[in-house]
Amino acid sequence: MARGGQGLARVAVVVRAGAAPLWWLGVIAAGTGAVPEGLTGRRIGVLAGAALFLVAAAVVALVRRGRYAALARGVARAGKYDVLQDRAVTVRAWRRGHRWWLLLAFAAALGSAFAVPVAGGLLLAGLGTGLWLKAAWLGRRERAQDALLWVRVDWLDRHGGRPAGKAVGGWRGTGVAAGDAAPGGSRRRPAALV
């Protein structure tokens, strides 16, 4: 980076990156997992899966919120020479770095269907939903602070893609028009023509 600038990735985009693959792999695993009777039977599997879905979504959405809030309060202004990473690059990097974990989780969800049908898939879908909820919460914070939240890419690379890990020293902030992702990490919609 020129003149001491850092590569920065959007925090909400990093959080949201795992939501879609977990959701879709969970839906596929749950649908496939409905085929075998399993040890418990389908009815119990679906009920257990629904409970796991709700618990997983709530836990993922709420875990480490205090750390996220503390980092958001202490945000420093991004420097002139900092480079803002595109949303697509951030998502691709996160998914590439976690692809084996995603495949392993999918295989475990499919395998669990022979014991408790559907439950493993709904658990995965719940994890994805929790990530979407956390990204939406971050988006509300960004709107309230009128600043987008960014984390250094080298810290993400070193610590498994966790934007609020212990080794993350702080976040940086920019105006809400910076970058190509809206508050919360979703794709920025083009402005309507007047």
N, C-alpha and C. Protein backbone atom coordinates (compact mmCIF):
# COMPACT_ATOMS: atom_id res chain seq x y z
N MET A 1 0.84 -1.18 0.00
CA MET A 1 0.00 0.00 0.00
C MET A 1 0.88 1.24 0.00
N ALA A 2 0.48 2.24 -0.73
CA ALA A 2 1.26 3.47 -0.83
C ALA A 2 1.20 4.26 0.46
N ARG A 3 2.35 4.84 0.83
CA ARG A 3 2.45 5.77 1.96
C ARG A 3 1.81 5.24 3.24
N GLY A 4 1.99 3.98 3.51
CA GLY A 4 1.52 3.43 4.79
C GLY A 4 0.04 3.13 4.85
N GLY A 5 -0.67 3.16 3.71
CA GLY A 5 -2.09 2.84 3.72
C GLY A 5 -2.32 1.35 3.97
N GLN A 6 -3.52 1.00 4.39
CA GLN A 6 -3.89 -0.39 4.68
C GLN A 6 -5.05 -0.80 3.80
N GLY A 7 -5.11 -2.09 3.47
CA GLY A 7 -6.29 -2.64 2.81
C GLY A 7 -7.37 -2.83 3.86
N LEU A 8 -8.58 -2.36 3.58
CA LEU A 8 -9.69 -2.44 4.53
C LEU A 8 -10.86 -3.20 3.93
N ALA A 9 -11.47 -4.08 4.72
CA ALA A 9 -12.66 -4.83 4.31
C ALA A 9 -13.83 -4.42 5.20
N ARG A 10 -15.01 -4.36 4.64
CA ARG A 10 -16.19 -3.99 5.41
C ARG A 10 -16.52 -5.08 6.42
N VAL A 11 -16.73 -4.67 7.66
CA VAL A 11 -17.05 -5.62 8.74
C VAL A 11 -18.36 -6.34 8.45
N ALA A 12 -19.39 -5.60 8.05
CA ALA A 12 -20.70 -6.22 7.80
C ALA A 12 -20.64 -7.20 6.64
N VAL A 13 -19.81 -6.92 5.64
CA VAL A 13 -19.67 -7.83 4.50
C VAL A 13 -19.01 -9.13 4.95
N VAL A 14 -17.99 -9.02 5.81
CA VAL A 14 -17.31 -10.22 6.32
C VAL A 14 -18.30 -11.07 7.12
N VAL A 15 -19.09 -10.43 7.98
CA VAL A 15 -20.07 -11.16 8.79
C VAL A 15 -21.11 -11.83 7.89
N ARG A 16 -21.55 -11.11 6.88
CA ARG A 16 -22.61 -11.60 6.00
C ARG A 16 -22.13 -12.65 5.00
N ALA A 17 -20.83 -12.73 4.77
CA ALA A 17 -20.29 -13.61 3.72
C ALA A 17 -20.67 -15.07 3.91
N GLY A 18 -20.75 -15.53 5.13
CA GLY A 18 -21.08 -16.94 5.37
C GLY A 18 -22.57 -17.23 5.42
N ALA A 19 -23.40 -16.18 5.42
CA ALA A 19 -24.84 -16.38 5.61
C ALA A 19 -25.47 -17.18 4.47
N ALA A 20 -25.24 -16.75 3.23
CA ALA A 20 -25.88 -17.43 2.09
C ALA A 20 -25.43 -18.88 1.94
N PRO A 21 -24.10 -19.17 1.98
CA PRO A 21 -23.74 -20.59 1.84
C PRO A 21 -24.28 -21.47 2.96
N LEU A 22 -24.26 -20.97 4.20
CA LEU A 22 -24.79 -21.77 5.30
C LEU A 22 -26.29 -21.99 5.14
N TRP A 23 -27.01 -20.93 4.75
CA TRP A 23 -28.46 -21.05 4.56
C TRP A 23 -28.79 -22.08 3.48
N TRP A 24 -28.16 -21.94 2.30
CA TRP A 24 -28.50 -22.82 1.18
C TRP A 24 -28.03 -24.25 1.41
N LEU A 25 -26.84 -24.42 1.97
CA LEU A 25 -26.39 -25.78 2.30
C LEU A 25 -27.31 -26.41 3.34
N GLY A 26 -27.77 -25.59 4.29
CA GLY A 26 -28.71 -26.09 5.30
C GLY A 26 -30.04 -26.50 4.71
N VAL A 27 -30.57 -25.69 3.79
CA VAL A 27 -31.85 -26.02 3.14
C VAL A 27 -31.72 -27.30 2.33
N ILE A 28 -30.62 -27.44 1.59
CA ILE A 28 -30.40 -28.65 0.79
C ILE A 28 -30.26 -29.87 1.70
N ALA A 29 -29.47 -29.71 2.79
CA ALA A 29 -29.28 -30.83 3.72
C ALA A 29 -30.58 -31.21 4.41
N ALA A 30 -31.40 -30.20 4.76
CA ALA A 30 -32.68 -30.49 5.41
C ALA A 30 -33.63 -31.20 4.45
N GLY A 31 -33.66 -30.74 3.20
CA GLY A 31 -34.53 -31.40 2.21
C GLY A 31 -34.11 -32.84 1.94
N THR A 32 -32.81 -33.03 1.78
CA THR A 32 -32.29 -34.38 1.56
C THR A 32 -32.45 -35.23 2.81
N GLY A 33 -32.29 -34.59 3.96
CA GLY A 33 -32.39 -35.31 5.23
C GLY A 33 -33.79 -35.75 5.58
N ALA A 34 -34.79 -35.26 4.84
CA ALA A 34 -36.16 -35.69 5.09
C ALA A 34 -36.45 -37.06 4.47
N VAL A 35 -35.55 -37.54 3.62
CA VAL A 35 -35.79 -38.83 2.94
C VAL A 35 -35.66 -40.01 3.91
N PRO A 36 -34.55 -40.14 4.65
CA PRO A 36 -34.48 -41.31 5.56
C PRO A 36 -35.37 -41.14 6.79
N GLU A 37 -35.87 -42.24 7.30
CA GLU A 37 -36.68 -42.21 8.53
C GLU A 37 -35.83 -41.83 9.74
N GLY A 38 -34.57 -42.25 9.73
CA GLY A 38 -33.70 -41.99 10.86
C GLY A 38 -34.07 -42.81 12.08
N LEU A 39 -33.31 -42.62 13.15
CA LEU A 39 -33.58 -43.36 14.39
C LEU A 39 -34.77 -42.77 15.14
N THR A 40 -34.98 -41.46 14.99
CA THR A 40 -36.03 -40.79 15.77
C THR A 40 -37.34 -40.66 15.01
N GLY A 41 -37.32 -40.80 13.70
CA GLY A 41 -38.50 -40.54 12.88
C GLY A 41 -38.50 -39.09 12.41
N ARG A 42 -39.21 -38.84 11.30
CA ARG A 42 -39.19 -37.51 10.70
C ARG A 42 -39.83 -36.44 11.59
N ARG A 43 -40.92 -36.76 12.24
CA ARG A 43 -41.65 -35.76 13.04
C ARG A 43 -40.76 -35.20 14.14
N ILE A 44 -40.11 -36.08 14.87
CA ILE A 44 -39.21 -35.63 15.95
C ILE A 44 -38.01 -34.89 15.36
N GLY A 45 -37.51 -35.36 14.21
CA GLY A 45 -36.39 -34.69 13.56
C GLY A 45 -36.73 -33.26 13.16
N VAL A 46 -37.92 -33.07 12.60
CA VAL A 46 -38.34 -31.73 12.19
C VAL A 46 -38.52 -30.82 13.41
N LEU A 47 -39.13 -31.32 14.46
CA LEU A 47 -39.31 -30.52 15.68
C LEU A 47 -37.97 -30.16 16.31
N ALA A 48 -37.06 -31.14 16.38
CA ALA A 48 -35.72 -30.87 16.92
C ALA A 48 -34.99 -29.87 16.03
N GLY A 49 -35.13 -30.03 14.72
CA GLY A 49 -34.49 -29.11 13.78
C GLY A 49 -35.00 -27.69 13.92
N ALA A 50 -36.32 -27.54 14.12
CA ALA A 50 -36.90 -26.20 14.29
C ALA A 50 -36.35 -25.54 15.54
N ALA A 51 -36.23 -26.31 16.62
CA ALA A 51 -35.67 -25.77 17.86
C ALA A 51 -34.20 -25.38 17.65
N LEU A 52 -33.43 -26.24 16.99
CA LEU A 52 -32.03 -25.94 16.71
C LEU A 52 -31.88 -24.70 15.83
N PHE A 53 -32.77 -24.56 14.84
CA PHE A 53 -32.75 -23.40 13.96
C PHE A 53 -32.89 -22.11 14.78
N LEU A 54 -33.89 -22.06 15.65
CA LEU A 54 -34.15 -20.85 16.45
C LEU A 54 -33.00 -20.55 17.41
N VAL A 55 -32.50 -21.59 18.07
CA VAL A 55 -31.41 -21.39 19.03
C VAL A 55 -30.14 -20.94 18.31
N ALA A 56 -29.81 -21.59 17.19
CA ALA A 56 -28.60 -21.23 16.45
C ALA A 56 -28.68 -19.80 15.93
N ALA A 57 -29.83 -19.41 15.38
CA ALA A 57 -30.00 -18.05 14.86
C ALA A 57 -29.82 -17.02 15.98
N ALA A 58 -30.43 -17.28 17.14
CA ALA A 58 -30.33 -16.34 18.25
C ALA A 58 -28.91 -16.25 18.79
N VAL A 59 -28.26 -17.39 18.97
CA VAL A 59 -26.90 -17.39 19.52
C VAL A 59 -25.93 -16.68 18.60
N VAL A 60 -25.96 -17.00 17.30
CA VAL A 60 -25.04 -16.37 16.36
C VAL A 60 -25.30 -14.87 16.26
N ALA A 61 -26.57 -14.47 16.28
CA ALA A 61 -26.90 -13.05 16.17
C ALA A 61 -26.44 -12.26 17.40
N LEU A 62 -26.42 -12.90 18.56
CA LEU A 62 -26.13 -12.19 19.81
C LEU A 62 -24.70 -12.34 20.32
N VAL A 63 -24.00 -13.40 19.91
CA VAL A 63 -22.68 -13.68 20.46
C VAL A 63 -21.71 -12.56 20.10
N ARG A 64 -20.90 -12.15 21.08
CA ARG A 64 -19.84 -11.14 20.93
C ARG A 64 -20.35 -9.76 20.53
N ARG A 65 -21.62 -9.48 20.78
CA ARG A 65 -22.14 -8.16 20.45
C ARG A 65 -21.44 -7.06 21.24
N GLY A 66 -21.07 -7.36 22.48
CA GLY A 66 -20.36 -6.37 23.29
C GLY A 66 -19.04 -5.98 22.65
N ARG A 67 -18.31 -6.96 22.14
CA ARG A 67 -17.03 -6.69 21.47
C ARG A 67 -17.25 -5.87 20.19
N TYR A 68 -18.25 -6.24 19.42
CA TYR A 68 -18.57 -5.49 18.20
C TYR A 68 -18.92 -4.04 18.55
N ALA A 69 -19.75 -3.86 19.58
CA ALA A 69 -20.18 -2.51 19.96
C ALA A 69 -18.99 -1.68 20.44
N ALA A 70 -18.08 -2.31 21.21
CA ALA A 70 -16.90 -1.59 21.70
C ALA A 70 -16.00 -1.16 20.54
N LEU A 71 -15.80 -2.04 19.57
CA LEU A 71 -14.99 -1.68 18.41
C LEU A 71 -15.66 -0.58 17.58
N ALA A 72 -16.98 -0.63 17.49
CA ALA A 72 -17.71 0.39 16.73
C ALA A 72 -17.62 1.76 17.41
N ARG A 73 -17.66 1.75 18.74
CA ARG A 73 -17.56 3.03 19.48
C ARG A 73 -16.17 3.65 19.34
N GLY A 74 -15.14 2.82 19.27
CA GLY A 74 -13.78 3.31 19.21
C GLY A 74 -13.22 3.43 17.80
N VAL A 75 -14.09 3.55 16.81
CA VAL A 75 -13.65 3.55 15.42
C VAL A 75 -12.81 4.79 15.12
N ALA A 76 -11.72 4.57 14.36
CA ALA A 76 -10.85 5.67 13.92
C ALA A 76 -11.14 5.97 12.45
N ARG A 77 -10.93 7.20 12.07
CA ARG A 77 -11.17 7.60 10.68
C ARG A 77 -10.18 6.89 9.75
N ALA A 78 -10.67 6.36 8.63
CA ALA A 78 -9.80 5.73 7.64
C ALA A 78 -8.86 6.78 7.05
N GLY A 79 -7.63 6.37 6.76
CA GLY A 79 -6.63 7.28 6.22
C GLY A 79 -6.80 7.54 4.74
N LYS A 80 -6.16 8.59 4.29
CA LYS A 80 -6.24 9.00 2.89
C LYS A 80 -5.73 7.91 1.95
N TYR A 81 -4.74 7.15 2.38
CA TYR A 81 -4.12 6.15 1.51
C TYR A 81 -4.62 4.73 1.78
N ASP A 82 -5.59 4.58 2.66
CA ASP A 82 -6.19 3.27 2.86
C ASP A 82 -6.96 2.85 1.61
N VAL A 83 -6.92 1.56 1.31
CA VAL A 83 -7.58 1.03 0.12
C VAL A 83 -8.80 0.22 0.55
N LEU A 84 -9.98 0.60 0.05
CA LEU A 84 -11.23 -0.07 0.43
C LEU A 84 -11.47 -1.26 -0.50
N GLN A 85 -11.59 -2.43 0.10
CA GLN A 85 -11.77 -3.66 -0.69
C GLN A 85 -13.21 -3.75 -1.19
N ASP A 86 -13.37 -4.18 -2.44
CA ASP A 86 -14.71 -4.37 -3.00
C ASP A 86 -15.45 -5.46 -2.24
N ARG A 87 -16.78 -5.34 -2.24
CA ARG A 87 -17.64 -6.32 -1.58
C ARG A 87 -17.40 -7.72 -2.13
N ALA A 88 -17.36 -7.85 -3.46
CA ALA A 88 -17.21 -9.17 -4.09
C ALA A 88 -15.88 -9.81 -3.71
N VAL A 89 -14.82 -9.02 -3.60
CA VAL A 89 -13.50 -9.55 -3.23
C VAL A 89 -13.53 -10.06 -1.79
N THR A 90 -14.16 -9.29 -0.90
CA THR A 90 -14.25 -9.70 0.52
C THR A 90 -15.03 -11.00 0.65
N VAL A 91 -16.18 -11.08 -0.02
CA VAL A 91 -17.02 -12.29 0.05
C VAL A 91 -16.26 -13.49 -0.51
N ARG A 92 -15.62 -13.31 -1.66
CA ARG A 92 -14.88 -14.42 -2.29
C ARG A 92 -13.74 -14.90 -1.40
N ALA A 93 -13.01 -13.96 -0.79
CA ALA A 93 -11.89 -14.33 0.09
C ALA A 93 -12.39 -15.11 1.31
N TRP A 94 -13.50 -14.65 1.92
CA TRP A 94 -14.02 -15.35 3.10
C TRP A 94 -14.47 -16.76 2.73
N ARG A 95 -15.20 -16.88 1.64
CA ARG A 95 -15.73 -18.19 1.25
C ARG A 95 -14.62 -19.13 0.83
N ARG A 96 -13.60 -18.61 0.16
CA ARG A 96 -12.47 -19.46 -0.23
C ARG A 96 -11.74 -19.95 1.02
N GLY A 97 -11.57 -19.08 2.00
CA GLY A 97 -10.87 -19.46 3.22
C GLY A 97 -11.64 -20.43 4.10
N HIS A 98 -12.95 -20.49 3.92
CA HIS A 98 -13.79 -21.35 4.78
C HIS A 98 -14.48 -22.48 4.00
N ARG A 99 -14.09 -22.71 2.75
CA ARG A 99 -14.81 -23.68 1.92
C ARG A 99 -14.78 -25.09 2.51
N TRP A 100 -13.64 -25.49 3.10
CA TRP A 100 -13.57 -26.85 3.64
C TRP A 100 -14.43 -27.00 4.89
N TRP A 101 -14.51 -25.94 5.69
CA TRP A 101 -15.39 -25.98 6.86
C TRP A 101 -16.85 -26.06 6.43
N LEU A 102 -17.21 -25.32 5.38
CA LEU A 102 -18.58 -25.36 4.87
C LEU A 102 -18.92 -26.75 4.34
N LEU A 103 -17.99 -27.35 3.59
CA LEU A 103 -18.23 -28.70 3.05
C LEU A 103 -18.32 -29.74 4.17
N LEU A 104 -17.47 -29.60 5.17
CA LEU A 104 -17.50 -30.53 6.32
C LEU A 104 -18.82 -30.40 7.08
N ALA A 105 -19.28 -29.15 7.29
CA ALA A 105 -20.56 -28.93 7.98
C ALA A 105 -21.71 -29.52 7.18
N PHE A 106 -21.67 -29.36 5.85
CA PHE A 106 -22.71 -29.92 4.99
C PHE A 106 -22.72 -31.45 5.06
N ALA A 107 -21.54 -32.05 5.01
CA ALA A 107 -21.45 -33.51 5.10
C ALA A 107 -21.96 -34.00 6.45
N ALA A 108 -21.62 -33.29 7.53
CA ALA A 108 -22.10 -33.68 8.87
C ALA A 108 -23.62 -33.56 8.96
N ALA A 109 -24.18 -32.49 8.36
CA ALA A 109 -25.64 -32.32 8.38
C ALA A 109 -26.33 -33.43 7.61
N LEU A 110 -25.75 -33.82 6.46
CA LEU A 110 -26.33 -34.93 5.69
C LEU A 110 -26.23 -36.24 6.47
N GLY A 111 -25.06 -36.48 7.07
CA GLY A 111 -24.87 -37.72 7.82
C GLY A 111 -25.77 -37.82 9.04
N SER A 112 -26.04 -36.69 9.68
CA SER A 112 -26.88 -36.70 10.88
C SER A 112 -28.33 -37.06 10.57
N ALA A 113 -28.72 -36.95 9.29
CA ALA A 113 -30.10 -37.27 8.91
C ALA A 113 -30.44 -38.74 9.15
N PHE A 114 -29.43 -39.61 9.18
CA PHE A 114 -29.69 -41.03 9.43
C PHE A 114 -29.99 -41.28 10.90
N ALA A 115 -29.68 -40.32 11.76
CA ALA A 115 -30.04 -40.42 13.17
C ALA A 115 -31.26 -39.55 13.45
N VAL A 116 -31.16 -38.24 13.11
CA VAL A 116 -32.25 -37.29 13.36
C VAL A 116 -32.54 -36.56 12.04
N PRO A 117 -33.52 -37.00 11.27
CA PRO A 117 -33.78 -36.40 9.97
C PRO A 117 -34.03 -34.89 10.06
N VAL A 118 -33.53 -34.16 9.08
CA VAL A 118 -33.78 -32.72 8.88
C VAL A 118 -33.02 -31.83 9.87
N ALA A 119 -32.76 -32.29 11.07
CA ALA A 119 -32.25 -31.42 12.15
C ALA A 119 -30.92 -30.76 11.80
N GLY A 120 -29.97 -31.53 11.26
CA GLY A 120 -28.67 -30.95 10.95
C GLY A 120 -28.75 -29.85 9.90
N GLY A 121 -29.60 -30.05 8.90
CA GLY A 121 -29.77 -29.03 7.87
C GLY A 121 -30.38 -27.76 8.43
N LEU A 122 -31.38 -27.91 9.30
CA LEU A 122 -32.00 -26.72 9.90
C LEU A 122 -31.03 -26.01 10.84
N LEU A 123 -30.14 -26.75 11.48
CA LEU A 123 -29.11 -26.11 12.30
C LEU A 123 -28.21 -25.23 11.43
N LEU A 124 -27.76 -25.75 10.29
CA LEU A 124 -26.94 -24.95 9.38
C LEU A 124 -27.68 -23.72 8.89
N ALA A 125 -28.95 -23.89 8.51
CA ALA A 125 -29.74 -22.75 8.06
C ALA A 125 -29.90 -21.72 9.17
N GLY A 126 -30.01 -22.17 10.40
CA GLY A 126 -30.10 -21.25 11.54
C GLY A 126 -28.83 -20.45 11.73
N LEU A 127 -27.67 -21.09 11.52
CA LEU A 127 -26.40 -20.36 11.60
C LEU A 127 -26.34 -19.26 10.54
N GLY A 128 -26.77 -19.57 9.32
CA GLY A 128 -26.80 -18.57 8.26
C GLY A 128 -27.74 -17.43 8.58
N THR A 129 -28.91 -17.75 9.13
CA THR A 129 -29.88 -16.71 9.51
C THR A 129 -29.30 -15.81 10.59
N GLY A 130 -28.60 -16.40 11.55
CA GLY A 130 -27.98 -15.62 12.61
C GLY A 130 -26.96 -14.63 12.07
N LEU A 131 -26.19 -15.05 11.06
CA LEU A 131 -25.22 -14.14 10.45
C LEU A 131 -25.92 -12.99 9.73
N TRP A 132 -27.04 -13.28 9.05
CA TRP A 132 -27.80 -12.20 8.41
C TRP A 132 -28.33 -11.22 9.46
N LEU A 133 -28.83 -11.74 10.58
CA LEU A 133 -29.34 -10.87 11.64
C LEU A 133 -28.23 -10.00 12.22
N LYS A 134 -27.03 -10.59 12.41
CA LYS A 134 -25.91 -9.80 12.95
C LYS A 134 -25.49 -8.72 11.96
N ALA A 135 -25.45 -9.05 10.67
CA ALA A 135 -25.10 -8.05 9.65
C ALA A 135 -26.14 -6.92 9.62
N ALA A 136 -27.41 -7.27 9.78
CA ALA A 136 -28.47 -6.25 9.81
C ALA A 136 -28.30 -5.35 11.03
N TRP A 137 -27.95 -5.93 12.17
CA TRP A 137 -27.69 -5.14 13.38
C TRP A 137 -26.51 -4.19 13.16
N LEU A 138 -25.46 -4.68 12.52
CA LEU A 138 -24.32 -3.81 12.19
C LEU A 138 -24.75 -2.69 11.25
N GLY A 139 -25.62 -3.00 10.31
CA GLY A 139 -26.13 -1.98 9.40
C GLY A 139 -26.88 -0.88 10.13
N ARG A 140 -27.67 -1.25 11.13
CA ARG A 140 -28.38 -0.24 11.93
C ARG A 140 -27.40 0.63 12.70
N ARG A 141 -26.33 0.02 13.23
CA ARG A 141 -25.28 0.80 13.91
C ARG A 141 -24.60 1.76 12.96
N GLU A 142 -24.31 1.28 11.75
CA GLU A 142 -23.65 2.14 10.75
C GLU A 142 -24.53 3.34 10.40
N ARG A 143 -25.82 3.10 10.25
CA ARG A 143 -26.72 4.22 9.94
C ARG A 143 -26.79 5.19 11.11
N ALA A 144 -26.86 4.65 12.34
CA ALA A 144 -26.94 5.51 13.52
C ALA A 144 -25.68 6.35 13.69
N GLN A 145 -24.52 5.76 13.41
CA GLN A 145 -23.24 6.47 13.53
C GLN A 145 -22.90 7.28 12.28
N ASP A 146 -23.68 7.07 11.21
CA ASP A 146 -23.42 7.72 9.93
C ASP A 146 -21.99 7.43 9.46
N ALA A 147 -21.56 6.19 9.64
CA ALA A 147 -20.21 5.78 9.26
C ALA A 147 -20.20 4.29 8.96
N LEU A 148 -19.53 3.91 7.88
CA LEU A 148 -19.34 2.50 7.57
C LEU A 148 -18.12 1.98 8.34
N LEU A 149 -18.20 0.73 8.80
CA LEU A 149 -17.17 0.14 9.64
C LEU A 149 -16.28 -0.81 8.83
N TRP A 150 -14.97 -0.64 8.97
CA TRP A 150 -13.99 -1.40 8.19
C TRP A 150 -12.96 -2.02 9.12
N VAL A 151 -12.39 -3.15 8.71
CA VAL A 151 -11.33 -3.83 9.46
C VAL A 151 -10.16 -4.08 8.51
N ARG A 152 -8.96 -4.06 9.05
CA ARG A 152 -7.78 -4.29 8.21
C ARG A 152 -7.78 -5.71 7.65
N VAL A 153 -7.48 -5.82 6.37
CA VAL A 153 -7.48 -7.11 5.69
C VAL A 153 -6.39 -8.04 6.25
N ASP A 154 -5.23 -7.48 6.60
CA ASP A 154 -4.17 -8.34 7.12
C ASP A 154 -4.55 -8.96 8.46
N TRP A 155 -5.35 -8.25 9.27
CA TRP A 155 -5.83 -8.85 10.52
C TRP A 155 -6.81 -9.97 10.24
N LEU A 156 -7.66 -9.79 9.25
CA LEU A 156 -8.60 -10.86 8.87
C LEU A 156 -7.84 -12.09 8.40
N ASP A 157 -6.85 -11.88 7.55
CA ASP A 157 -6.07 -13.00 7.00
C ASP A 157 -5.36 -13.78 8.10
N ARG A 158 -4.87 -13.05 9.10
CA ARG A 158 -4.11 -13.69 10.18
C ARG A 158 -4.99 -14.43 11.17
N HIS A 159 -6.24 -14.04 11.29
CA HIS A 159 -7.06 -14.57 12.38
C HIS A 159 -8.35 -15.21 11.89
N GLY A 160 -8.25 -15.94 10.78
CA GLY A 160 -9.36 -16.78 10.33
C GLY A 160 -10.59 -16.02 9.88
N GLY A 161 -10.45 -14.79 9.45
CA GLY A 161 -11.58 -14.04 8.94
C GLY A 161 -12.54 -13.53 9.99
N ARG A 162 -12.08 -13.40 11.24
CA ARG A 162 -12.94 -12.91 12.32
C ARG A 162 -12.73 -11.40 12.50
N PRO A 163 -13.73 -10.58 12.19
CA PRO A 163 -13.54 -9.12 12.25
C PRO A 163 -13.51 -8.56 13.66
N ALA A 164 -13.87 -9.37 14.66
CA ALA A 164 -13.85 -8.88 16.04
C ALA A 164 -13.02 -9.79 16.94
N GLY A 165 -12.04 -10.48 16.36
CA GLY A 165 -11.17 -11.36 17.15
C GLY A 165 -10.32 -10.59 18.14
N LYS A 166 -9.72 -11.29 19.07
CA LYS A 166 -8.93 -10.65 20.13
C LYS A 166 -7.78 -9.81 19.57
N ALA A 167 -7.20 -10.27 18.47
CA ALA A 167 -6.04 -9.59 17.92
C ALA A 167 -6.40 -8.36 17.09
N VAL A 168 -7.69 -8.15 16.81
CA VAL A 168 -8.11 -6.97 16.05
C VAL A 168 -8.03 -5.76 16.98
N GLY A 169 -7.12 -4.84 16.62
CA GLY A 169 -6.88 -3.69 17.50
C GLY A 169 -7.92 -2.60 17.39
N GLY A 170 -8.63 -2.54 16.30
CA GLY A 170 -9.64 -1.50 16.14
C GLY A 170 -10.16 -1.48 14.72
N TRP A 171 -11.27 -0.81 14.55
CA TRP A 171 -11.87 -0.66 13.24
C TRP A 171 -11.64 0.76 12.74
N ARG A 172 -11.87 0.93 11.46
CA ARG A 172 -11.79 2.27 10.86
C ARG A 172 -13.16 2.62 10.28
N GLY A 173 -13.39 3.90 10.12
CA GLY A 173 -14.68 4.35 9.62
C GLY A 173 -14.54 5.26 8.42
N THR A 174 -15.56 5.23 7.57
CA THR A 174 -15.64 6.14 6.42
C THR A 174 -17.06 6.67 6.37
N GLY A 175 -17.29 7.60 5.48
CA GLY A 175 -18.65 8.07 5.24
C GLY A 175 -19.50 6.97 4.63
N VAL A 176 -20.81 7.12 4.68
CA VAL A 176 -21.71 6.05 4.23
C VAL A 176 -21.72 5.88 2.71
N ALA A 177 -21.14 6.82 1.98
CA ALA A 177 -21.10 6.69 0.52
C ALA A 177 -19.89 5.91 0.03
N ALA A 178 -18.95 5.58 0.93
CA ALA A 178 -17.71 4.90 0.52
C ALA A 178 -17.98 3.44 0.19
N GLY A 179 -17.16 2.90 -0.71
CA GLY A 179 -17.26 1.47 -1.02
C GLY A 179 -18.47 1.15 -1.89
N ASP A 180 -18.63 -0.16 -2.16
CA ASP A 180 -19.71 -0.58 -3.04
C ASP A 180 -20.75 -1.44 -2.32
N ALA A 181 -20.76 -1.37 -0.97
CA ALA A 181 -21.76 -2.11 -0.20
C ALA A 181 -22.53 -1.14 0.70
N ALA A 182 -23.82 -1.37 0.82
CA ALA A 182 -24.69 -0.53 1.64
C ALA A 182 -24.48 -0.86 3.12
N PRO A 183 -24.98 -0.01 4.05
CA PRO A 183 -24.93 -0.38 5.46
C PRO A 183 -25.56 -1.76 5.68
N GLY A 184 -24.88 -2.60 6.44
CA GLY A 184 -25.32 -3.98 6.64
C GLY A 184 -24.65 -4.97 5.72
N GLY A 185 -23.91 -4.47 4.71
CA GLY A 185 -23.14 -5.36 3.85
C GLY A 185 -23.81 -5.85 2.60
N SER A 186 -25.06 -5.44 2.34
CA SER A 186 -25.74 -5.88 1.12
C SER A 186 -25.21 -5.09 -0.08
N ARG A 187 -25.54 -5.55 -1.27
CA ARG A 187 -25.13 -4.82 -2.48
C ARG A 187 -25.78 -3.45 -2.47
N ARG A 188 -25.01 -2.46 -2.85
CA ARG A 188 -25.55 -1.10 -2.95
C ARG A 188 -26.41 -1.01 -4.21
N ARG A 189 -27.65 -0.59 -4.04
CA ARG A 189 -28.54 -0.45 -5.20
C ARG A 189 -28.22 0.83 -5.94
N PRO A 190 -28.24 0.79 -7.28
CA PRO A 190 -27.99 2.02 -8.02
C PRO A 190 -29.05 3.07 -7.72
N ALA A 191 -28.65 4.32 -7.70
CA ALA A 191 -29.59 5.40 -7.42
C ALA A 191 -30.64 5.46 -8.52
N ALA A 192 -31.88 5.68 -8.11
CA ALA A 192 -32.97 5.75 -9.09
C ALA A 192 -32.84 7.02 -9.93
N LEU A 193 -33.11 6.89 -11.22
CA LEU A 193 -33.06 8.05 -12.10
C LEU A 193 -34.29 8.92 -11.87
N VAL A 194 -34.06 10.22 -11.79
CA VAL A 194 -35.18 11.14 -11.54
C VAL A 194 -35.57 11.80 -12.82
